[in-house]
Amino acid sequence: MEAVKILEKPTQIDWDYDEEADVLYLSIGEPRPAIGMDIGDGVILRYDEKRREVVGLTLIGLRAGLLKSLGD
């Protein structure tokens, strides 16, 4: 089985937080088309099948999860 590239010398990590939806979007390098893979706990991994590499993450319910962990 071929290896999957994860954070292999990224040139940049871009992010955008949608406060209303409580969703954080992280892109490794320039945002590009990818498939979304739900890996649990509100984490969607964005994967480029052609290049076999992770290109981003989407974190759903980030604030809510943090507040729950802190007991607020």
PDB file of N, CA and C in Angstrom:
ATOM      1  N   MET A   1       0.842  -1.184   0.000  1.00  0.00           N
ATOM      2  CA  MET A   1       0.000   0.000   0.000  1.00  0.00           C
ATOM      3  C   MET A   1       0.885   1.244   0.000  1.00  0.00           C
ATOM      4  N   GLU A   2       0.549   2.206  -0.846  1.00  0.00           N
ATOM      5  CA  GLU A   2       1.304   3.454  -0.918  1.00  0.00           C
ATOM      6  C   GLU A   2       1.056   4.310   0.313  1.00  0.00           C
ATOM      7  N   ALA A   3       2.052   5.085   0.659  1.00  0.00           N
ATOM      8  CA  ALA A   3       1.926   5.987   1.802  1.00  0.00           C
ATOM      9  C   ALA A   3       1.029   7.169   1.459  1.00  0.00           C
ATOM     10  N   VAL A   4       0.374   7.686   2.470  1.00  0.00           N
ATOM     11  CA  VAL A   4      -0.436   8.901   2.347  1.00  0.00           C
ATOM     12  C   VAL A   4       0.406  10.053   2.884  1.00  0.00           C
ATOM     13  N   LYS A   5       0.494  11.136   2.122  1.00  0.00           N
ATOM     14  CA  LYS A   5       1.281  12.291   2.549  1.00  0.00           C
ATOM     15  C   LYS A   5       0.457  13.155   3.503  1.00  0.00           C
ATOM     16  N   ILE A   6       1.033  13.431   4.655  1.00  0.00           N
ATOM     17  CA  ILE A   6       0.393  14.311   5.630  1.00  0.00           C
ATOM     18  C   ILE A   6       1.417  15.354   6.048  1.00  0.00           C
ATOM     19  N   LEU A   7       1.103  16.621   5.771  1.00  0.00           N
ATOM     20  CA  LEU A   7       1.963  17.741   6.144  1.00  0.00           C
ATOM     21  C   LEU A   7       3.405  17.550   5.695  1.00  0.00           C
ATOM     22  N   GLU A   8       3.567  17.232   4.429  1.00  0.00           N
ATOM     23  CA  GLU A   8       4.908  17.082   3.873  1.00  0.00           C
ATOM     24  C   GLU A   8       5.395  18.429   3.361  1.00  0.00           C
ATOM     25  N   LYS A   9       6.033  19.194   4.239  1.00  0.00           N
ATOM     26  CA  LYS A   9       6.568  20.515   3.930  1.00  0.00           C
ATOM     27  C   LYS A   9       5.531  21.453   3.311  1.00  0.00           C
ATOM     28  N   PRO A  10       4.452  21.747   4.012  1.00  0.00           N
ATOM     29  CA  PRO A  10       3.466  22.676   3.449  1.00  0.00           C
ATOM     30  C   PRO A  10       4.048  24.073   3.315  1.00  0.00           C
ATOM     31  N   THR A  11       3.651  24.750   2.270  1.00  0.00           N
ATOM     32  CA  THR A  11       4.126  26.108   2.075  1.00  0.00           C
ATOM     33  C   THR A  11       3.334  27.082   2.937  1.00  0.00           C
ATOM     34  N   GLN A  12       2.094  26.743   3.226  1.00  0.00           N
ATOM     35  CA  GLN A  12       1.271  27.621   4.054  1.00  0.00           C
ATOM     36  C   GLN A  12       0.075  26.838   4.576  1.00  0.00           C
ATOM     37  N   ILE A  13      -0.471  27.323   5.663  1.00  0.00           N
ATOM     38  CA  ILE A  13      -1.728  26.777   6.171  1.00  0.00           C
ATOM     39  C   ILE A  13      -2.680  27.960   6.298  1.00  0.00           C
ATOM     40  N   ASP A  14      -3.748  27.915   5.520  1.00  0.00           N
ATOM     41  CA  ASP A  14      -4.776  28.955   5.558  1.00  0.00           C
ATOM     42  C   ASP A  14      -5.933  28.469   6.415  1.00  0.00           C
ATOM     43  N   TRP A  15      -6.604  29.404   7.064  1.00  0.00           N
ATOM     44  CA  TRP A  15      -7.763  29.028   7.870  1.00  0.00           C
ATOM     45  C   TRP A  15      -8.844  30.082   7.747  1.00  0.00           C
ATOM     46  N   ASP A  16     -10.056  29.626   8.007  1.00  0.00           N
ATOM     47  CA  ASP A  16     -11.214  30.512   8.022  1.00  0.00           C
ATOM     48  C   ASP A  16     -12.185  29.952   9.052  1.00  0.00           C
ATOM     49  N   TYR A  17     -12.678  30.815   9.929  1.00  0.00           N
ATOM     50  CA  TYR A  17     -13.628  30.379  10.953  1.00  0.00           C
ATOM     51  C   TYR A  17     -14.979  31.011  10.679  1.00  0.00           C
ATOM     52  N   ASP A  18     -16.004  30.180  10.558  1.00  0.00           N
ATOM     53  CA  ASP A  18     -17.382  30.643  10.381  1.00  0.00           C
ATOM     54  C   ASP A  18     -18.016  30.647  11.769  1.00  0.00           C
ATOM     55  N   GLU A  19     -18.071  31.835  12.368  1.00  0.00           N
ATOM     56  CA  GLU A  19     -18.561  31.960  13.746  1.00  0.00           C
ATOM     57  C   GLU A  19     -20.016  31.530  13.875  1.00  0.00           C
ATOM     58  N   GLU A  20     -20.841  31.910  12.914  1.00  0.00           N
ATOM     59  CA  GLU A  20     -22.262  31.569  12.979  1.00  0.00           C
ATOM     60  C   GLU A  20     -22.482  30.057  12.944  1.00  0.00           C
ATOM     61  N   ALA A  21     -21.751  29.365  12.086  1.00  0.00           N
ATOM     62  CA  ALA A  21     -21.895  27.910  11.960  1.00  0.00           C
ATOM     63  C   ALA A  21     -20.994  27.152  12.939  1.00  0.00           C
ATOM     64  N   ASP A  22     -20.057  27.844  13.594  1.00  0.00           N
ATOM     65  CA  ASP A  22     -19.077  27.241  14.503  1.00  0.00           C
ATOM     66  C   ASP A  22     -18.270  26.155  13.783  1.00  0.00           C
ATOM     67  N   VAL A  23     -17.664  26.566  12.653  1.00  0.00           N
ATOM     68  CA  VAL A  23     -16.875  25.644  11.838  1.00  0.00           C
ATOM     69  C   VAL A  23     -15.542  26.302  11.497  1.00  0.00           C
ATOM     70  N   LEU A  24     -14.445  25.558  11.715  1.00  0.00           N
ATOM     71  CA  LEU A  24     -13.113  26.022  11.344  1.00  0.00           C
ATOM     72  C   LEU A  24     -12.650  25.224  10.131  1.00  0.00           C
ATOM     73  N   TYR A  25     -12.219  25.955   9.100  1.00  0.00           N
ATOM     74  CA  TYR A  25     -11.704  25.340   7.880  1.00  0.00           C
ATOM     75  C   TYR A  25     -10.200  25.570   7.822  1.00  0.00           C
ATOM     76  N   LEU A  26      -9.425  24.512   7.679  1.00  0.00           N
ATOM     77  CA  LEU A  26      -7.973  24.603   7.532  1.00  0.00           C
ATOM     78  C   LEU A  26      -7.584  24.035   6.171  1.00  0.00           C
ATOM     79  N   SER A  27      -6.772  24.771   5.423  1.00  0.00           N
ATOM     80  CA  SER A  27      -6.288  24.301   4.130  1.00  0.00           C
ATOM     81  C   SER A  27      -4.771  24.275   4.169  1.00  0.00           C
ATOM     82  N   ILE A  28      -4.200  23.176   3.735  1.00  0.00           N
ATOM     83  CA  ILE A  28      -2.757  23.040   3.640  1.00  0.00           C
ATOM     84  C   ILE A  28      -2.372  23.459   2.231  1.00  0.00           C
ATOM     85  N   GLY A  29      -1.670  24.570   2.120  1.00  0.00           N
ATOM     86  CA  GLY A  29      -1.386  25.132   0.806  1.00  0.00           C
ATOM     87  C   GLY A  29      -2.640  25.812   0.275  1.00  0.00           C
ATOM     88  N   GLU A  30      -2.671  26.046  -1.022  1.00  0.00           N
ATOM     89  CA  GLU A  30      -3.836  26.662  -1.653  1.00  0.00           C
ATOM     90  C   GLU A  30      -5.035  25.726  -1.564  1.00  0.00           C
ATOM     91  N   PRO A  31      -6.227  26.243  -1.203  1.00  0.00           N
ATOM     92  CA  PRO A  31      -7.414  25.380  -1.207  1.00  0.00           C
ATOM     93  C   PRO A  31      -7.615  24.774  -2.602  1.00  0.00           C
ATOM     94  N   ARG A  32      -7.974  23.499  -2.635  1.00  0.00           N
ATOM     95  CA  ARG A  32      -8.187  22.806  -3.906  1.00  0.00           C
ATOM     96  C   ARG A  32      -9.248  21.726  -3.742  1.00  0.00           C
ATOM     97  N   PRO A  33      -9.780  21.239  -4.853  1.00  0.00           N
ATOM     98  CA  PRO A  33     -10.811  20.203  -4.766  1.00  0.00           C
ATOM     99  C   PRO A  33     -10.290  18.957  -4.047  1.00  0.00           C
ATOM    100  N   ALA A  34     -11.153  18.364  -3.243  1.00  0.00           N
ATOM    101  CA  ALA A  34     -10.783  17.166  -2.498  1.00  0.00           C
ATOM    102  C   ALA A  34     -12.056  16.477  -2.035  1.00  0.00           C
ATOM    103  N   ILE A  35     -11.914  15.232  -1.622  1.00  0.00           N
ATOM    104  CA  ILE A  35     -13.060  14.533  -1.038  1.00  0.00           C
ATOM    105  C   ILE A  35     -13.018  14.740   0.476  1.00  0.00           C
ATOM    106  N   GLY A  36     -14.173  14.740   1.086  1.00  0.00           N
ATOM    107  CA  GLY A  36     -14.262  14.867   2.535  1.00  0.00           C
ATOM    108  C   GLY A  36     -14.471  13.500   3.162  1.00  0.00           C
ATOM    109  N   MET A  37     -13.683  13.202   4.182  1.00  0.00           N
ATOM    110  CA  MET A  37     -13.795  11.931   4.890  1.00  0.00           C
ATOM    111  C   MET A  37     -14.064  12.226   6.356  1.00  0.00           C
ATOM    112  N   ASP A  38     -15.240  11.824   6.858  1.00  0.00           N
ATOM    113  CA  ASP A  38     -15.611  12.040   8.248  1.00  0.00           C
ATOM    114  C   ASP A  38     -14.805  11.074   9.110  1.00  0.00           C
ATOM    115  N   ILE A  39     -13.904  11.607   9.938  1.00  0.00           N
ATOM    116  CA  ILE A  39     -13.095  10.732  10.786  1.00  0.00           C
ATOM    117  C   ILE A  39     -13.559  10.773  12.239  1.00  0.00           C
ATOM    118  N   GLY A  40     -14.737  11.358  12.469  1.00  0.00           N
ATOM    119  CA  GLY A  40     -15.351  11.335  13.793  1.00  0.00           C
ATOM    120  C   GLY A  40     -15.131  12.599  14.595  1.00  0.00           C
ATOM    121  N   ASP A  41     -15.968  12.781  15.603  1.00  0.00           N
ATOM    122  CA  ASP A  41     -15.888  13.909  16.530  1.00  0.00           C
ATOM    123  C   ASP A  41     -15.898  15.259  15.834  1.00  0.00           C
ATOM    124  N   GLY A  42     -16.656  15.373  14.743  1.00  0.00           N
ATOM    125  CA  GLY A  42     -16.780  16.642  14.051  1.00  0.00           C
ATOM    126  C   GLY A  42     -15.590  17.017  13.193  1.00  0.00           C
ATOM    127  N   VAL A  43     -14.741  16.051  12.879  1.00  0.00           N
ATOM    128  CA  VAL A  43     -13.552  16.311  12.061  1.00  0.00           C
ATOM    129  C   VAL A  43     -13.748  15.696  10.674  1.00  0.00           C
ATOM    130  N   ILE A  44     -13.653  16.552   9.662  1.00  0.00           N
ATOM    131  CA  ILE A  44     -13.725  16.102   8.277  1.00  0.00           C
ATOM    132  C   ILE A  44     -12.339  16.301   7.674  1.00  0.00           C
ATOM    133  N   LEU A  45     -11.722  15.222   7.226  1.00  0.00           N
ATOM    134  CA  LEU A  45     -10.417  15.281   6.597  1.00  0.00           C
ATOM    135  C   LEU A  45     -10.623  15.495   5.104  1.00  0.00           C
ATOM    136  N   ARG A  46      -9.923  16.444   4.521  1.00  0.00           N
ATOM    137  CA  ARG A  46     -10.014  16.719   3.086  1.00  0.00           C
ATOM    138  C   ARG A  46      -8.817  16.067   2.411  1.00  0.00           C
ATOM    139  N   TYR A  47      -9.103  15.197   1.436  1.00  0.00           N
ATOM    140  CA  TYR A  47      -8.083  14.330   0.857  1.00  0.00           C
ATOM    141  C   TYR A  47      -8.099  14.413  -0.665  1.00  0.00           C
ATOM    142  N   ASP A  48      -6.931  14.658  -1.254  1.00  0.00           N
ATOM    143  CA  ASP A  48      -6.762  14.688  -2.702  1.00  0.00           C
ATOM    144  C   ASP A  48      -6.383  13.276  -3.142  1.00  0.00           C
ATOM    145  N   GLU A  49      -7.347  12.576  -3.755  1.00  0.00           N
ATOM    146  CA  GLU A  49      -7.105  11.179  -4.156  1.00  0.00           C
ATOM    147  C   GLU A  49      -6.014  11.050  -5.208  1.00  0.00           C
ATOM    148  N   LYS A  50      -5.981  11.977  -6.153  1.00  0.00           N
ATOM    149  CA  LYS A  50      -5.000  11.900  -7.234  1.00  0.00           C
ATOM    150  C   LYS A  50      -3.567  12.010  -6.701  1.00  0.00           C
ATOM    151  N   ARG A  51      -3.348  12.948  -5.796  1.00  0.00           N
ATOM    152  CA  ARG A  51      -2.000  13.162  -5.243  1.00  0.00           C
ATOM    153  C   ARG A  51      -1.738  12.332  -3.985  1.00  0.00           C
ATOM    154  N   ARG A  52      -2.785  11.680  -3.473  1.00  0.00           N
ATOM    155  CA  ARG A  52      -2.698  10.858  -2.267  1.00  0.00           C
ATOM    156  C   ARG A  52      -2.149  11.657  -1.073  1.00  0.00           C
ATOM    157  N   GLU A  53      -2.786  12.832  -0.856  1.00  0.00           N
ATOM    158  CA  GLU A  53      -2.322  13.645   0.258  1.00  0.00           C
ATOM    159  C   GLU A  53      -3.474  14.389   0.927  1.00  0.00           C
ATOM    160  N   VAL A  54      -3.292  14.646   2.204  1.00  0.00           N
ATOM    161  CA  VAL A  54      -4.243  15.435   2.976  1.00  0.00           C
ATOM    162  C   VAL A  54      -4.049  16.893   2.585  1.00  0.00           C
ATOM    163  N   VAL A  55      -5.167  17.569   2.257  1.00  0.00           N
ATOM    164  CA  VAL A  55      -5.081  18.966   1.837  1.00  0.00           C
ATOM    165  C   VAL A  55      -5.824  19.903   2.783  1.00  0.00           C
ATOM    166  N   GLY A  56      -6.468  19.352   3.803  1.00  0.00           N
ATOM    167  CA  GLY A  56      -7.150  20.219   4.745  1.00  0.00           C
ATOM    168  C   GLY A  56      -7.976  19.463   5.764  1.00  0.00           C
ATOM    169  N   LEU A  57      -8.516  20.220   6.701  1.00  0.00           N
ATOM    170  CA  LEU A  57      -9.405  19.695   7.742  1.00  0.00           C
ATOM    171  C   LEU A  57     -10.549  20.670   7.934  1.00  0.00           C
ATOM    172  N   THR A  58     -11.707  20.138   8.254  1.00  0.00           N
ATOM    173  CA  THR A  58     -12.853  20.946   8.644  1.00  0.00           C
ATOM    174  C   THR A  58     -13.238  20.482  10.047  1.00  0.00           C
ATOM    175  N   LEU A  59     -13.299  21.423  10.980  1.00  0.00           N
ATOM    176  CA  LEU A  59     -13.636  21.104  12.369  1.00  0.00           C
ATOM    177  C   LEU A  59     -15.001  21.694  12.678  1.00  0.00           C
ATOM    178  N   ILE A  60     -15.988  20.828  12.858  1.00  0.00           N
ATOM    179  CA  ILE A  60     -17.372  21.235  13.087  1.00  0.00           C
ATOM    180  C   ILE A  60     -17.643  21.297  14.591  1.00  0.00           C
ATOM    181  N   GLY A  61     -18.266  22.390  15.031  1.00  0.00           N
ATOM    182  CA  GLY A  61     -18.610  22.542  16.445  1.00  0.00           C
ATOM    183  C   GLY A  61     -17.396  22.812  17.315  1.00  0.00           C
ATOM    184  N   LEU A  62     -16.437  23.547  16.793  1.00  0.00           N
ATOM    185  CA  LEU A  62     -15.190  23.798  17.510  1.00  0.00           C
ATOM    186  C   LEU A  62     -15.424  24.511  18.842  1.00  0.00           C
ATOM    187  N   ARG A  63     -16.135  25.638  18.825  1.00  0.00           N
ATOM    188  CA  ARG A  63     -16.382  26.386  20.061  1.00  0.00           C
ATOM    189  C   ARG A  63     -17.205  25.558  21.040  1.00  0.00           C
ATOM    190  N   ALA A  64     -18.259  24.922  20.541  1.00  0.00           N
ATOM    191  CA  ALA A  64     -19.120  24.119  21.407  1.00  0.00           C
ATOM    192  C   ALA A  64     -18.329  22.991  22.074  1.00  0.00           C
ATOM    193  N   GLY A  65     -17.474  22.337  21.325  1.00  0.00           N
ATOM    194  CA  GLY A  65     -16.657  21.264  21.886  1.00  0.00           C
ATOM    195  C   GLY A  65     -15.671  21.763  22.927  1.00  0.00           C
ATOM    196  N   LEU A  66     -15.069  22.917  22.657  1.00  0.00           N
ATOM    197  CA  LEU A  66     -14.130  23.500  23.598  1.00  0.00           C
ATOM    198  C   LEU A  66     -14.833  23.881  24.909  1.00  0.00           C
ATOM    199  N   LEU A  67     -15.975  24.550  24.779  1.00  0.00           N
ATOM    200  CA  LEU A  67     -16.720  24.935  25.979  1.00  0.00           C
ATOM    201  C   LEU A  67     -17.171  23.713  26.780  1.00  0.00           C
ATOM    202  N   LYS A  68     -17.559  22.660  26.100  1.00  0.00           N
ATOM    203  CA  LYS A  68     -17.971  21.426  26.777  1.00  0.00           C
ATOM    204  C   LYS A  68     -16.788  20.827  27.533  1.00  0.00           C
ATOM    205  N   SER A  69     -15.609  20.812  26.910  1.00  0.00           N
ATOM    206  CA  SER A  69     -14.418  20.275  27.555  1.00  0.00           C
ATOM    207  C   SER A  69     -13.990  21.088  28.757  1.00  0.00           C
ATOM    208  N   LEU A  70     -14.233  22.413  28.681  1.00  0.00           N
ATOM    209  CA  LEU A  70     -13.861  23.288  29.795  1.00  0.00           C
ATOM    210  C   LEU A  70     -14.914  23.325  30.894  1.00  0.00           C
ATOM    211  N   GLY A  71     -16.061  22.688  30.635  1.00  0.00           N
ATOM    212  CA  GLY A  71     -17.107  22.621  31.645  1.00  0.00           C
ATOM    213  C   GLY A  71     -17.996  23.841  31.732  1.00  0.00           C
ATOM    214  N   ASP A  72     -18.021  24.685  30.700  1.00  0.00           N
ATOM    215  CA  ASP A  72     -18.882  25.882  30.709  1.00  0.00           C
ATOM    216  C   ASP A  72     -20.263  25.570  30.172  1.00  0.00           C
TER     217      ASP A  72
END
